[in-house]
């Protein structure tokens, strides 16, 4: 992030990334950061409006979860987003997306992007399994 922050708006840069186990080179044009209000307004439009992370042993302990509870947990929900309106919360463990078991972060994003217009999340919250459906 620090390196990208030193680049000037208008610069074109190449990034080497690994996506689904394959090496790729992507080209991006750097633009100026928008003001905070514009960023906040755009955040409400992010689909589905949540950020997930790997469920570590420390998080498992904090959330009082069994080892087999799952491996992906909601880290943050964007205020006003479809995820917030639909009822997803920080600390929810994502177990399935459209009946496909979420084993890791790669699965999460793969199944989310395959979901089409409607996406159903099977989550674990405080020992209770819930299904929350969202429509784009």
Foldseek 3Di string as FASTA:
>chain_A
DVVLVPDDQQDKDWDWDAAPNDTDIDIDGHHDDDDPVVVLVVLQVPVQFWDKDFCDPVNCVVQVHDPPQATIFTQDGRPNGQCVVQPDDGGKHFQDKPPHGDHHPSSVVVSVVVVPQKIWTFTAHSNDTDITMTGD
